[in-house]
Amino acid sequence: MLPHRTEAAIKARARTEGVSYLPQGDGGKGDIWSAEELRCLEEHKYLPAEELARLFPYHSKKAVVNKRYKLQWAPVKHWSEPELQRLKDHLDAPLETLCRLFPDRPLEGIRIKRDRLRRSGP
């Protein structure tokens, strides 16, 4: 709201004026999620991270995703043994090909799992 001021300047002025921080949301340290935002997050918790982050313009994508995980609302889909074997069989395939092999998985999830399998070796 004050683009011409640095964060440090705003905090310093707030201290000078006697403004104090009141936790919101679930009250965690530094937690600035309102009750309304938490309701919205719970209602849309199954959306992909990109779409979910767009609903909260005052929070970074990382903050939104981390909050979802902290509240244990994250949709986690574990890799089955057949999926892992298929991925191991195609470790050298381009990412686009892997995305076609795993249409229900997000690109980033496939990339991360592929890279972990590559590092762990045969």
PDB file of N, CA and C in Angstrom:
ATOM      1  N   MET A   1       0.816  -1.199   0.000  1.00  0.00           N
ATOM      2  CA  MET A   1       0.000   0.000   0.000  1.00  0.00           C
ATOM      3  C   MET A   1       0.863   1.266   0.000  1.00  0.00           C
ATOM      4  N   LEU A   2       2.127   1.108   0.355  1.00  0.00           N
ATOM      5  CA  LEU A   2       3.050   2.250   0.382  1.00  0.00           C
ATOM      6  C   LEU A   2       4.266   1.916  -0.474  1.00  0.00           C
ATOM      7  N   PRO A   3       4.111   1.897  -1.774  1.00  0.00           N
ATOM      8  CA  PRO A   3       5.207   1.461  -2.635  1.00  0.00           C
ATOM      9  C   PRO A   3       6.432   2.364  -2.596  1.00  0.00           C
ATOM     10  N   HIS A   4       6.262   3.589  -2.144  1.00  0.00           N
ATOM     11  CA  HIS A   4       7.390   4.518  -2.099  1.00  0.00           C
ATOM     12  C   HIS A   4       8.179   4.405  -0.785  1.00  0.00           C
ATOM     13  N   ARG A   5       7.763   3.498   0.112  1.00  0.00           N
ATOM     14  CA  ARG A   5       8.444   3.298   1.391  1.00  0.00           C
ATOM     15  C   ARG A   5       9.000   1.878   1.464  1.00  0.00           C
ATOM     16  N   THR A   6      10.151   1.733   2.105  1.00  0.00           N
ATOM     17  CA  THR A   6      10.707   0.393   2.278  1.00  0.00           C
ATOM     18  C   THR A   6       9.992  -0.294   3.452  1.00  0.00           C
ATOM     19  N   GLU A   7      10.106  -1.611   3.484  1.00  0.00           N
ATOM     20  CA  GLU A   7       9.489  -2.361   4.581  1.00  0.00           C
ATOM     21  C   GLU A   7      10.088  -1.938   5.918  1.00  0.00           C
ATOM     22  N   ALA A   8      11.403  -1.734   5.942  1.00  0.00           N
ATOM     23  CA  ALA A   8      12.072  -1.318   7.177  1.00  0.00           C
ATOM     24  C   ALA A   8      11.556   0.045   7.649  1.00  0.00           C
ATOM     25  N   ALA A   9      11.342   0.965   6.713  1.00  0.00           N
ATOM     26  CA  ALA A   9      10.843   2.294   7.073  1.00  0.00           C
ATOM     27  C   ALA A   9       9.429   2.214   7.647  1.00  0.00           C
ATOM     28  N   ILE A  10       8.610   1.371   7.063  1.00  0.00           N
ATOM     29  CA  ILE A  10       7.231   1.217   7.547  1.00  0.00           C
ATOM     30  C   ILE A  10       7.234   0.624   8.954  1.00  0.00           C
ATOM     31  N   LYS A  11       8.068  -0.397   9.174  1.00  0.00           N
ATOM     32  CA  LYS A  11       8.141  -1.016  10.500  1.00  0.00           C
ATOM     33  C   LYS A  11       8.654  -0.018  11.535  1.00  0.00           C
ATOM     34  N   ALA A  12       9.658   0.764  11.170  1.00  0.00           N
ATOM     35  CA  ALA A  12      10.216   1.750  12.100  1.00  0.00           C
ATOM     36  C   ALA A  12       9.159   2.784  12.478  1.00  0.00           C
ATOM     37  N   ARG A  13       8.410   3.241  11.485  1.00  0.00           N
ATOM     38  CA  ARG A  13       7.371   4.240  11.761  1.00  0.00           C
ATOM     39  C   ARG A  13       6.263   3.640  12.628  1.00  0.00           C
ATOM     40  N   ALA A  14       5.918   2.380  12.364  1.00  0.00           N
ATOM     41  CA  ALA A  14       4.886   1.718  13.168  1.00  0.00           C
ATOM     42  C   ALA A  14       5.315   1.635  14.629  1.00  0.00           C
ATOM     43  N   ARG A  15       6.589   1.274  14.857  1.00  0.00           N
ATOM     44  CA  ARG A  15       7.105   1.221  16.233  1.00  0.00           C
ATOM     45  C   ARG A  15       7.046   2.596  16.889  1.00  0.00           C
ATOM     46  N   THR A  16       7.432   3.634  16.146  1.00  0.00           N
ATOM     47  CA  THR A  16       7.421   5.003  16.660  1.00  0.00           C
ATOM     48  C   THR A  16       6.014   5.427  17.055  1.00  0.00           C
ATOM     49  N   GLU A  17       5.040   5.011  16.247  1.00  0.00           N
ATOM     50  CA  GLU A  17       3.639   5.384  16.500  1.00  0.00           C
ATOM     51  C   GLU A  17       2.964   4.476  17.529  1.00  0.00           C
ATOM     52  N   GLY A  18       3.674   3.437  17.965  1.00  0.00           N
ATOM     53  CA  GLY A  18       3.113   2.534  18.969  1.00  0.00           C
ATOM     54  C   GLY A  18       2.175   1.483  18.394  1.00  0.00           C
ATOM     55  N   VAL A  19       2.261   1.266  17.098  1.00  0.00           N
ATOM     56  CA  VAL A  19       1.422   0.259  16.470  1.00  0.00           C
ATOM     57  C   VAL A  19       2.032  -1.110  16.753  1.00  0.00           C
ATOM     58  N   SER A  20       1.198  -2.038  17.206  1.00  0.00           N
ATOM     59  CA  SER A  20       1.711  -3.378  17.481  1.00  0.00           C
ATOM     60  C   SER A  20       0.988  -4.395  16.615  1.00  0.00           C
ATOM     61  N   TYR A  21       1.647  -5.493  16.404  1.00  0.00           N
ATOM     62  CA  TYR A  21       1.114  -6.558  15.567  1.00  0.00           C
ATOM     63  C   TYR A  21       0.174  -7.443  16.377  1.00  0.00           C
ATOM     64  N   LEU A  22      -1.009  -7.687  15.848  1.00  0.00           N
ATOM     65  CA  LEU A  22      -1.949  -8.610  16.470  1.00  0.00           C
ATOM     66  C   LEU A  22      -2.094  -9.814  15.548  1.00  0.00           C
ATOM     67  N   PRO A  23      -1.728 -11.006  16.022  1.00  0.00           N
ATOM     68  CA  PRO A  23      -1.836 -12.186  15.169  1.00  0.00           C
ATOM     69  C   PRO A  23      -3.273 -12.428  14.745  1.00  0.00           C
ATOM     70  N   GLN A  24      -3.413 -12.939  13.535  1.00  0.00           N
ATOM     71  CA  GLN A  24      -4.721 -13.309  13.015  1.00  0.00           C
ATOM     72  C   GLN A  24      -4.645 -14.770  12.609  1.00  0.00           C
ATOM     73  N   GLY A  25      -5.665 -15.232  11.963  1.00  0.00           N
ATOM     74  CA  GLY A  25      -5.657 -16.601  11.488  1.00  0.00           C
ATOM     75  C   GLY A  25      -5.568 -17.553  12.660  1.00  0.00           C
ATOM     76  N   ASP A  26      -4.653 -18.525  12.586  1.00  0.00           N
ATOM     77  CA  ASP A  26      -4.529 -19.490  13.681  1.00  0.00           C
ATOM     78  C   ASP A  26      -3.562 -18.996  14.755  1.00  0.00           C
ATOM     79  N   GLY A  27      -3.073 -17.767  14.617  1.00  0.00           N
ATOM     80  CA  GLY A  27      -2.277 -17.142  15.664  1.00  0.00           C
ATOM     81  C   GLY A  27      -0.817 -17.498  15.686  1.00  0.00           C
ATOM     82  N   GLY A  28      -0.335 -18.193  14.674  1.00  0.00           N
ATOM     83  CA  GLY A  28       1.084 -18.535  14.635  1.00  0.00           C
ATOM     84  C   GLY A  28       1.928 -17.289  14.528  1.00  0.00           C
ATOM     85  N   LYS A  29       3.178 -17.379  14.970  1.00  0.00           N
ATOM     86  CA  LYS A  29       4.064 -16.225  14.927  1.00  0.00           C
ATOM     87  C   LYS A  29       4.213 -15.726  13.494  1.00  0.00           C
ATOM     88  N   GLY A  30       3.944 -14.461  13.280  1.00  0.00           N
ATOM     89  CA  GLY A  30       4.063 -13.882  11.961  1.00  0.00           C
ATOM     90  C   GLY A  30       2.916 -14.266  11.037  1.00  0.00           C
ATOM     91  N   ASP A  31       1.922 -14.932  11.574  1.00  0.00           N
ATOM     92  CA  ASP A  31       0.803 -15.411  10.770  1.00  0.00           C
ATOM     93  C   ASP A  31      -0.174 -14.268  10.532  1.00  0.00           C
ATOM     94  N   ILE A  32      -0.319 -13.860   9.282  1.00  0.00           N
ATOM     95  CA  ILE A  32      -1.191 -12.733   8.978  1.00  0.00           C
ATOM     96  C   ILE A  32      -2.388 -13.162   8.140  1.00  0.00           C
ATOM     97  N   TRP A  33      -2.831 -14.395   8.324  1.00  0.00           N
ATOM     98  CA  TRP A  33      -3.981 -14.895   7.592  1.00  0.00           C
ATOM     99  C   TRP A  33      -5.252 -14.576   8.380  1.00  0.00           C
ATOM    100  N   SER A  34      -6.185 -13.913   7.737  1.00  0.00           N
ATOM    101  CA  SER A  34      -7.452 -13.613   8.402  1.00  0.00           C
ATOM    102  C   SER A  34      -8.320 -14.863   8.415  1.00  0.00           C
ATOM    103  N   ALA A  35      -9.332 -14.838   9.252  1.00  0.00           N
ATOM    104  CA  ALA A  35     -10.261 -15.970   9.326  1.00  0.00           C
ATOM    105  C   ALA A  35     -10.950 -16.181   7.977  1.00  0.00           C
ATOM    106  N   GLU A  36     -11.267 -15.093   7.290  1.00  0.00           N
ATOM    107  CA  GLU A  36     -11.905 -15.182   5.968  1.00  0.00           C
ATOM    108  C   GLU A  36     -10.965 -15.838   4.951  1.00  0.00           C
ATOM    109  N   GLU A  37      -9.688 -15.462   4.991  1.00  0.00           N
ATOM    110  CA  GLU A  37      -8.709 -16.070   4.081  1.00  0.00           C
ATOM    111  C   GLU A  37      -8.549 -17.562   4.361  1.00  0.00           C
ATOM    112  N   LEU A  38      -8.535 -17.928   5.646  1.00  0.00           N
ATOM    113  CA  LEU A  38      -8.416 -19.340   5.991  1.00  0.00           C
ATOM    114  C   LEU A  38      -9.619 -20.137   5.505  1.00  0.00           C
ATOM    115  N   ARG A  39     -10.813 -19.552   5.592  1.00  0.00           N
ATOM    116  CA  ARG A  39     -12.018 -20.222   5.062  1.00  0.00           C
ATOM    117  C   ARG A  39     -11.905 -20.407   3.560  1.00  0.00           C
ATOM    118  N   CYS A  40     -11.442 -19.382   2.873  1.00  0.00           N
ATOM    119  CA  CYS A  40     -11.270 -19.450   1.419  1.00  0.00           C
ATOM    120  C   CYS A  40     -10.222 -20.496   1.056  1.00  0.00           C
ATOM    121  N   LEU A  41      -9.134 -20.527   1.809  1.00  0.00           N
ATOM    122  CA  LEU A  41      -8.081 -21.511   1.553  1.00  0.00           C
ATOM    123  C   LEU A  41      -8.612 -22.931   1.744  1.00  0.00           C
ATOM    124  N   GLU A  42      -9.371 -23.147   2.800  1.00  0.00           N
ATOM    125  CA  GLU A  42      -9.923 -24.490   3.033  1.00  0.00           C
ATOM    126  C   GLU A  42     -10.903 -24.878   1.935  1.00  0.00           C
ATOM    127  N   GLU A  43     -11.698 -23.926   1.493  1.00  0.00           N
ATOM    128  CA  GLU A  43     -12.686 -24.186   0.445  1.00  0.00           C
ATOM    129  C   GLU A  43     -12.031 -24.547  -0.888  1.00  0.00           C
ATOM    130  N   HIS A  44     -10.861 -23.969  -1.152  1.00  0.00           N
ATOM    131  CA  HIS A  44     -10.181 -24.168  -2.444  1.00  0.00           C
ATOM    132  C   HIS A  44      -8.876 -24.958  -2.307  1.00  0.00           C
ATOM    133  N   LYS A  45      -8.718 -25.716  -1.223  1.00  0.00           N
ATOM    134  CA  LYS A  45      -7.452 -26.379  -0.926  1.00  0.00           C
ATOM    135  C   LYS A  45      -7.010 -27.390  -1.978  1.00  0.00           C
ATOM    136  N   TYR A  46      -7.912 -27.879  -2.803  1.00  0.00           N
ATOM    137  CA  TYR A  46      -7.539 -28.888  -3.789  1.00  0.00           C
ATOM    138  C   TYR A  46      -7.130 -28.298  -5.136  1.00  0.00           C
ATOM    139  N   LEU A  47      -7.146 -26.978  -5.263  1.00  0.00           N
ATOM    140  CA  LEU A  47      -6.714 -26.340  -6.501  1.00  0.00           C
ATOM    141  C   LEU A  47      -5.207 -26.482  -6.666  1.00  0.00           C
ATOM    142  N   PRO A  48      -4.724 -26.502  -7.910  1.00  0.00           N
ATOM    143  CA  PRO A  48      -3.268 -26.482  -8.123  1.00  0.00           C
ATOM    144  C   PRO A  48      -2.683 -25.190  -7.531  1.00  0.00           C
ATOM    145  N   ALA A  49      -1.416 -25.244  -7.177  1.00  0.00           N
ATOM    146  CA  ALA A  49      -0.765 -24.122  -6.497  1.00  0.00           C
ATOM    147  C   ALA A  49      -0.904 -22.804  -7.254  1.00  0.00           C
ATOM    148  N   GLU A  50      -0.740 -22.833  -8.581  1.00  0.00           N
ATOM    149  CA  GLU A  50      -0.825 -21.593  -9.373  1.00  0.00           C
ATOM    150  C   GLU A  50      -2.200 -20.941  -9.227  1.00  0.00           C
ATOM    151  N   GLU A  51      -3.259 -21.747  -9.367  1.00  0.00           N
ATOM    152  CA  GLU A  51      -4.621 -21.212  -9.273  1.00  0.00           C
ATOM    153  C   GLU A  51      -4.928 -20.758  -7.850  1.00  0.00           C
ATOM    154  N   LEU A  52      -4.485 -21.536  -6.875  1.00  0.00           N
ATOM    155  CA  LEU A  52      -4.733 -21.201  -5.485  1.00  0.00           C
ATOM    156  C   LEU A  52      -4.064 -19.875  -5.125  1.00  0.00           C
ATOM    157  N   ALA A  53      -2.837 -19.680  -5.562  1.00  0.00           N
ATOM    158  CA  ALA A  53      -2.099 -18.455  -5.241  1.00  0.00           C
ATOM    159  C   ALA A  53      -2.788 -17.214  -5.816  1.00  0.00           C
ATOM    160  N   ARG A  54      -3.454 -17.360  -6.958  1.00  0.00           N
ATOM    161  CA  ARG A  54      -4.149 -16.208  -7.564  1.00  0.00           C
ATOM    162  C   ARG A  54      -5.305 -15.710  -6.692  1.00  0.00           C
ATOM    163  N   LEU A  55      -5.828 -16.569  -5.834  1.00  0.00           N
ATOM    164  CA  LEU A  55      -6.927 -16.166  -4.951  1.00  0.00           C
ATOM    165  C   LEU A  55      -6.454 -15.296  -3.795  1.00  0.00           C
ATOM    166  N   PHE A  56      -5.145 -15.264  -3.563  1.00  0.00           N
ATOM    167  CA  PHE A  56      -4.586 -14.535  -2.428  1.00  0.00           C
ATOM    168  C   PHE A  56      -3.503 -13.561  -2.906  1.00  0.00           C
ATOM    169  N   PRO A  57      -3.893 -12.442  -3.497  1.00  0.00           N
ATOM    170  CA  PRO A  57      -2.902 -11.528  -4.077  1.00  0.00           C
ATOM    171  C   PRO A  57      -1.959 -10.894  -3.059  1.00  0.00           C
ATOM    172  N   TYR A  58      -2.318 -10.886  -1.785  1.00  0.00           N
ATOM    173  CA  TYR A  58      -1.461 -10.270  -0.778  1.00  0.00           C
ATOM    174  C   TYR A  58      -0.487 -11.262  -0.144  1.00  0.00           C
ATOM    175  N   HIS A  59      -0.507 -12.514  -0.623  1.00  0.00           N
ATOM    176  CA  HIS A  59       0.416 -13.535  -0.137  1.00  0.00           C
ATOM    177  C   HIS A  59       1.184 -14.085  -1.336  1.00  0.00           C
ATOM    178  N   SER A  60       2.431 -14.418  -1.132  1.00  0.00           N
ATOM    179  CA  SER A  60       3.213 -15.017  -2.211  1.00  0.00           C
ATOM    180  C   SER A  60       2.716 -16.443  -2.451  1.00  0.00           C
ATOM    181  N   LYS A  61       3.036 -16.963  -3.634  1.00  0.00           N
ATOM    182  CA  LYS A  61       2.645 -18.336  -3.955  1.00  0.00           C
ATOM    183  C   LYS A  61       3.238 -19.289  -2.922  1.00  0.00           C
ATOM    184  N   LYS A  62       4.487 -19.070  -2.562  1.00  0.00           N
ATOM    185  CA  LYS A  62       5.155 -19.927  -1.587  1.00  0.00           C
ATOM    186  C   LYS A  62       4.434 -19.880  -0.240  1.00  0.00           C
ATOM    187  N   ALA A  63       3.993 -18.691   0.181  1.00  0.00           N
ATOM    188  CA  ALA A  63       3.288 -18.553   1.455  1.00  0.00           C
ATOM    189  C   ALA A  63       1.959 -19.308   1.429  1.00  0.00           C
ATOM    190  N   VAL A  64       1.270 -19.243   0.300  1.00  0.00           N
ATOM    191  CA  VAL A  64      -0.021 -19.933   0.167  1.00  0.00           C
ATOM    192  C   VAL A  64       0.191 -21.442   0.231  1.00  0.00           C
ATOM    193  N   VAL A  65       1.146 -21.937  -0.531  1.00  0.00           N
ATOM    194  CA  VAL A  65       1.427 -23.371  -0.550  1.00  0.00           C
ATOM    195  C   VAL A  65       1.895 -23.845   0.825  1.00  0.00           C
ATOM    196  N   ASN A  66       2.777 -23.078   1.461  1.00  0.00           N
ATOM    197  CA  ASN A  66       3.264 -23.460   2.787  1.00  0.00           C
ATOM    198  C   ASN A  66       2.146 -23.476   3.819  1.00  0.00           C
ATOM    199  N   LYS A  67       1.231 -22.504   3.731  1.00  0.00           N
ATOM    200  CA  LYS A  67       0.112 -22.460   4.672  1.00  0.00           C
ATOM    201  C   LYS A  67      -0.773 -23.688   4.485  1.00  0.00           C
ATOM    202  N   ARG A  68      -1.003 -24.059   3.230  1.00  0.00           N
ATOM    203  CA  ARG A  68      -1.829 -25.236   2.941  1.00  0.00           C
ATOM    204  C   ARG A  68      -1.173 -26.488   3.541  1.00  0.00           C
ATOM    205  N   TYR A  69       0.131 -26.618   3.393  1.00  0.00           N
ATOM    206  CA  TYR A  69       0.829 -27.763   3.968  1.00  0.00           C
ATOM    207  C   TYR A  69       0.838 -27.716   5.489  1.00  0.00           C
ATOM    208  N   LYS A  70       1.058 -26.524   6.056  1.00  0.00           N
ATOM    209  CA  LYS A  70       1.081 -26.380   7.509  1.00  0.00           C
ATOM    210  C   LYS A  70      -0.236 -26.825   8.127  1.00  0.00           C
ATOM    211  N   LEU A  71      -1.327 -26.519   7.456  1.00  0.00           N
ATOM    212  CA  LEU A  71      -2.646 -26.901   7.956  1.00  0.00           C
ATOM    213  C   LEU A  71      -3.030 -28.321   7.549  1.00  0.00           C
ATOM    214  N   GLN A  72      -2.118 -29.006   6.881  1.00  0.00           N
ATOM    215  CA  GLN A  72      -2.306 -30.384   6.421  1.00  0.00           C
ATOM    216  C   GLN A  72      -3.519 -30.504   5.497  1.00  0.00           C
ATOM    217  N   TRP A  73      -3.691 -29.500   4.639  1.00  0.00           N
ATOM    218  CA  TRP A  73      -4.769 -29.509   3.655  1.00  0.00           C
ATOM    219  C   TRP A  73      -4.239 -29.803   2.262  1.00  0.00           C
ATOM    220  N   ALA A  74      -2.969 -30.073   2.148  1.00  0.00           N
ATOM    221  CA  ALA A  74      -2.367 -30.261   0.834  1.00  0.00           C
ATOM    222  C   ALA A  74      -2.780 -31.607   0.246  1.00  0.00           C
ATOM    223  N   PRO A  75      -3.192 -31.576  -1.011  1.00  0.00           N
ATOM    224  CA  PRO A  75      -3.505 -32.858  -1.650  1.00  0.00           C
ATOM    225  C   PRO A  75      -2.215 -33.577  -2.004  1.00  0.00           C
ATOM    226  N   VAL A  76      -1.936 -34.662  -1.322  1.00  0.00           N
ATOM    227  CA  VAL A  76      -0.709 -35.418  -1.564  1.00  0.00           C
ATOM    228  C   VAL A  76      -1.071 -36.707  -2.276  1.00  0.00           C
ATOM    229  N   LYS A  77      -0.453 -36.925  -3.403  1.00  0.00           N
ATOM    230  CA  LYS A  77      -0.678 -38.145  -4.153  1.00  0.00           C
ATOM    231  C   LYS A  77       0.658 -38.869  -4.220  1.00  0.00           C
ATOM    232  N   HIS A  78       0.752 -39.958  -3.477  1.00  0.00           N
ATOM    233  CA  HIS A  78       1.998 -40.711  -3.430  1.00  0.00           C
ATOM    234  C   HIS A  78       2.190 -41.496  -4.725  1.00  0.00           C
ATOM    235  N   TRP A  79       3.442 -41.714  -5.069  1.00  0.00           N
ATOM    236  CA  TRP A  79       3.777 -42.461  -6.278  1.00  0.00           C
ATOM    237  C   TRP A  79       3.629 -43.953  -6.001  1.00  0.00           C
ATOM    238  N   SER A  80       2.880 -44.642  -6.850  1.00  0.00           N
ATOM    239  CA  SER A  80       2.716 -46.089  -6.711  1.00  0.00           C
ATOM    240  C   SER A  80       3.957 -46.786  -7.274  1.00  0.00           C
ATOM    241  N   GLU A  81       4.130 -48.039  -6.928  1.00  0.00           N
ATOM    242  CA  GLU A  81       5.270 -48.814  -7.445  1.00  0.00           C
ATOM    243  C   GLU A  81       5.245 -48.894  -8.975  1.00  0.00           C
ATOM    244  N   PRO A  82       4.081 -49.164  -9.607  1.00  0.00           N
ATOM    245  CA  PRO A  82       4.076 -49.179 -11.082  1.00  0.00           C
ATOM    246  C   PRO A  82       4.453 -47.826 -11.699  1.00  0.00           C
ATOM    247  N   GLU A  83       4.010 -46.732 -11.074  1.00  0.00           N
ATOM    248  CA  GLU A  83       4.377 -45.402 -11.573  1.00  0.00           C
ATOM    249  C   GLU A  83       5.877 -45.172 -11.449  1.00  0.00           C
ATOM    250  N   LEU A  84       6.423 -45.540 -10.306  1.00  0.00           N
ATOM    251  CA  LEU A  84       7.865 -45.366 -10.106  1.00  0.00           C
ATOM    252  C   LEU A  84       8.662 -46.181 -11.121  1.00  0.00           C
ATOM    253  N   GLN A  85       8.207 -47.397 -11.383  1.00  0.00           N
ATOM    254  CA  GLN A  85       8.912 -48.234 -12.352  1.00  0.00           C
ATOM    255  C   GLN A  85       8.835 -47.626 -13.752  1.00  0.00           C
ATOM    256  N   ARG A  86       7.655 -47.119 -14.117  1.00  0.00           N
ATOM    257  CA  ARG A  86       7.490 -46.488 -15.430  1.00  0.00           C
ATOM    258  C   ARG A  86       8.388 -45.266 -15.540  1.00  0.00           C
ATOM    259  N   LEU A  87       8.470 -44.479 -14.470  1.00  0.00           N
ATOM    260  CA  LEU A  87       9.346 -43.305 -14.479  1.00  0.00           C
ATOM    261  C   LEU A  87      10.810 -43.723 -14.580  1.00  0.00           C
ATOM    262  N   LYS A  88      11.204 -44.757 -13.850  1.00  0.00           N
ATOM    263  CA  LYS A  88      12.582 -45.248 -13.921  1.00  0.00           C
ATOM    264  C   LYS A  88      12.915 -45.737 -15.332  1.00  0.00           C
ATOM    265  N   ASP A  89      11.931 -46.354 -15.996  1.00  0.00           N
ATOM    266  CA  ASP A  89      12.141 -46.852 -17.354  1.00  0.00           C
ATOM    267  C   ASP A  89      12.304 -45.724 -18.371  1.00  0.00           C
ATOM    268  N   HIS A  90      11.838 -44.534 -18.009  1.00  0.00           N
ATOM    269  CA  HIS A  90      11.875 -43.390 -18.942  1.00  0.00           C
ATOM    270  C   HIS A  90      12.626 -42.193 -18.367  1.00  0.00           C
ATOM    271  N   LEU A  91      13.602 -42.426 -17.519  1.00  0.00           N
ATOM    272  CA  LEU A  91      14.327 -41.325 -16.866  1.00  0.00           C
ATOM    273  C   LEU A  91      14.984 -40.367 -17.849  1.00  0.00           C
ATOM    274  N   ASP A  92      15.401 -40.859 -18.994  1.00  0.00           N
ATOM    275  CA  ASP A  92      16.091 -39.998 -19.957  1.00  0.00           C
ATOM    276  C   ASP A  92      15.145 -39.327 -20.945  1.00  0.00           C
ATOM    277  N   ALA A  93      13.851 -39.602 -20.830  1.00  0.00           N
ATOM    278  CA  ALA A  93      12.872 -38.995 -21.736  1.00  0.00           C
ATOM    279  C   ALA A  93      12.711 -37.513 -21.403  1.00  0.00           C
ATOM    280  N   PRO A  94      12.369 -36.706 -22.404  1.00  0.00           N
ATOM    281  CA  PRO A  94      12.119 -35.279 -22.136  1.00  0.00           C
ATOM    282  C   PRO A  94      10.924 -35.116 -21.185  1.00  0.00           C
ATOM    283  N   LEU A  95      10.905 -34.017 -20.482  1.00  0.00           N
ATOM    284  CA  LEU A  95       9.842 -33.754 -19.516  1.00  0.00           C
ATOM    285  C   LEU A  95       8.461 -33.758 -20.166  1.00  0.00           C
ATOM    286  N   GLU A  96       8.376 -33.269 -21.398  1.00  0.00           N
ATOM    287  CA  GLU A  96       7.089 -33.237 -22.106  1.00  0.00           C
ATOM    288  C   GLU A  96       6.560 -34.654 -22.317  1.00  0.00           C
ATOM    289  N   THR A  97       7.451 -35.584 -22.619  1.00  0.00           N
ATOM    290  CA  THR A  97       7.065 -36.981 -22.805  1.00  0.00           C
ATOM    291  C   THR A  97       6.592 -37.574 -21.487  1.00  0.00           C
ATOM    292  N   LEU A  98       7.309 -37.260 -20.414  1.00  0.00           N
ATOM    293  CA  LEU A  98       6.920 -37.763 -19.102  1.00  0.00           C
ATOM    294  C   LEU A  98       5.550 -37.230 -18.685  1.00  0.00           C
ATOM    295  N   CYS A  99       5.255 -36.001 -19.055  1.00  0.00           N
ATOM    296  CA  CYS A  99       3.952 -35.421 -18.728  1.00  0.00           C
ATOM    297  C   CYS A  99       2.824 -36.179 -19.437  1.00  0.00           C
ATOM    298  N   ARG A 100       3.109 -36.656 -20.647  1.00  0.00           N
ATOM    299  CA  ARG A 100       2.100 -37.454 -21.360  1.00  0.00           C
ATOM    300  C   ARG A 100       1.951 -38.831 -20.715  1.00  0.00           C
ATOM    301  N   LEU A 101       3.037 -39.366 -20.166  1.00  0.00           N
ATOM    302  CA  LEU A 101       2.975 -40.667 -19.493  1.00  0.00           C
ATOM    303  C   LEU A 101       2.250 -40.594 -18.146  1.00  0.00           C
ATOM    304  N   PHE A 102       2.287 -39.409 -17.529  1.00  0.00           N
ATOM    305  CA  PHE A 102       1.661 -39.204 -16.218  1.00  0.00           C
ATOM    306  C   PHE A 102       0.707 -38.001 -16.285  1.00  0.00           C
ATOM    307  N   PRO A 103      -0.420 -38.142 -16.993  1.00  0.00           N
ATOM    308  CA  PRO A 103      -1.312 -36.992 -17.202  1.00  0.00           C
ATOM    309  C   PRO A 103      -1.955 -36.451 -15.923  1.00  0.00           C
ATOM    310  N   ASP A 104      -2.020 -37.255 -14.870  1.00  0.00           N
ATOM    311  CA  ASP A 104      -2.657 -36.804 -13.631  1.00  0.00           C
ATOM    312  C   ASP A 104      -1.681 -36.160 -12.651  1.00  0.00           C
ATOM    313  N   ARG A 105      -0.441 -36.021 -13.076  1.00  0.00           N
ATOM    314  CA  ARG A 105       0.570 -35.440 -12.196  1.00  0.00           C
ATOM    315  C   ARG A 105       1.015 -34.089 -12.732  1.00  0.00           C
ATOM    316  N   PRO A 106       1.281 -33.125 -11.829  1.00  0.00           N
ATOM    317  CA  PRO A 106       1.768 -31.818 -12.287  1.00  0.00           C
ATOM    318  C   PRO A 106       3.199 -31.913 -12.796  1.00  0.00           C
ATOM    319  N   LEU A 107       3.521 -31.081 -13.748  1.00  0.00           N
ATOM    320  CA  LEU A 107       4.844 -31.062 -14.357  1.00  0.00           C
ATOM    321  C   LEU A 107       5.935 -30.945 -13.306  1.00  0.00           C
ATOM    322  N   GLU A 108       5.762 -30.052 -12.356  1.00  0.00           N
ATOM    323  CA  GLU A 108       6.783 -29.833 -11.331  1.00  0.00           C
ATOM    324  C   GLU A 108       6.974 -31.075 -10.469  1.00  0.00           C
ATOM    325  N   GLY A 109       5.896 -31.775 -10.156  1.00  0.00           N
ATOM    326  CA  GLY A 109       6.004 -33.001  -9.372  1.00  0.00           C
ATOM    327  C   GLY A 109       6.769 -34.084 -10.115  1.00  0.00           C
ATOM    328  N   ILE A 110       6.518 -34.180 -11.418  1.00  0.00           N
ATOM    329  CA  ILE A 110       7.226 -35.162 -12.245  1.00  0.00           C
ATOM    330  C   ILE A 110       8.706 -34.814 -12.312  1.00  0.00           C
ATOM    331  N   ARG A 111       9.010 -33.538 -12.513  1.00  0.00           N
ATOM    332  CA  ARG A 111      10.403 -33.107 -12.610  1.00  0.00           C
ATOM    333  C   ARG A 111      11.162 -33.400 -11.317  1.00  0.00           C
ATOM    334  N   ILE A 112      10.546 -33.079 -10.189  1.00  0.00           N
ATOM    335  CA  ILE A 112      11.199 -33.301  -8.895  1.00  0.00           C
ATOM    336  C   ILE A 112      11.455 -34.787  -8.671  1.00  0.00           C
ATOM    337  N   LYS A 113      10.449 -35.619  -8.932  1.00  0.00           N
ATOM    338  CA  LYS A 113      10.607 -37.059  -8.708  1.00  0.00           C
ATOM    339  C   LYS A 113      11.658 -37.630  -9.657  1.00  0.00           C
ATOM    340  N   ARG A 114      11.647 -37.197 -10.917  1.00  0.00           N
ATOM    341  CA  ARG A 114      12.650 -37.654 -11.877  1.00  0.00           C
ATOM    342  C   ARG A 114      14.050 -37.302 -11.413  1.00  0.00           C
ATOM    343  N   ASP A 115      14.240 -36.069 -10.975  1.00  0.00           N
ATOM    344  CA  ASP A 115      15.560 -35.623 -10.522  1.00  0.00           C
ATOM    345  C   ASP A 115      16.019 -36.400  -9.290  1.00  0.00           C
ATOM    346  N   ARG A 116      15.103 -36.697  -8.388  1.00  0.00           N
ATOM    347  CA  ARG A 116      15.468 -37.477  -7.191  1.00  0.00           C
ATOM    348  C   ARG A 116      15.879 -38.893  -7.584  1.00  0.00           C
ATOM    349  N   LEU A 117      15.147 -39.486  -8.524  1.00  0.00           N
ATOM    350  CA  LEU A 117      15.487 -40.831  -8.969  1.00  0.00           C
ATOM    351  C   LEU A 117      16.845 -40.843  -9.682  1.00  0.00           C
ATOM    352  N   ARG A 118      17.118 -39.809 -10.452  1.00  0.00           N
ATOM    353  CA  ARG A 118      18.410 -39.723 -11.143  1.00  0.00           C
ATOM    354  C   ARG A 118      19.556 -39.651 -10.134  1.00  0.00           C
ATOM    355  N   ARG A 119      19.359 -38.869  -9.065  1.00  0.00           N
ATOM    356  CA  ARG A 119      20.405 -38.719  -8.056  1.00  0.00           C
ATOM    357  C   ARG A 119      20.633 -40.001  -7.264  1.00  0.00           C
ATOM    358  N   SER A 120      19.544 -40.745  -7.036  1.00  0.00           N
ATOM    359  CA  SER A 120      19.675 -41.964  -6.223  1.00  0.00           C
ATOM    360  C   SER A 120      20.357 -43.094  -6.981  1.00  0.00           C
ATOM    361  N   GLY A 121      20.424 -42.994  -8.293  1.00  0.00           N
ATOM    362  CA  GLY A 121      21.115 -44.000  -9.095  1.00  0.00           C
ATOM    363  C   GLY A 121      20.266 -45.228  -9.379  1.00  0.00           C
ATOM    364  N   PRO A 122      20.853 -46.246  -9.978  1.00  0.00           N
ATOM    365  CA  PRO A 122      20.082 -47.429 -10.389  1.00  0.00           C
ATOM    366  C   PRO A 122      19.629 -48.299  -9.286  1.00  0.00           C
TER     367      PRO A 122
END
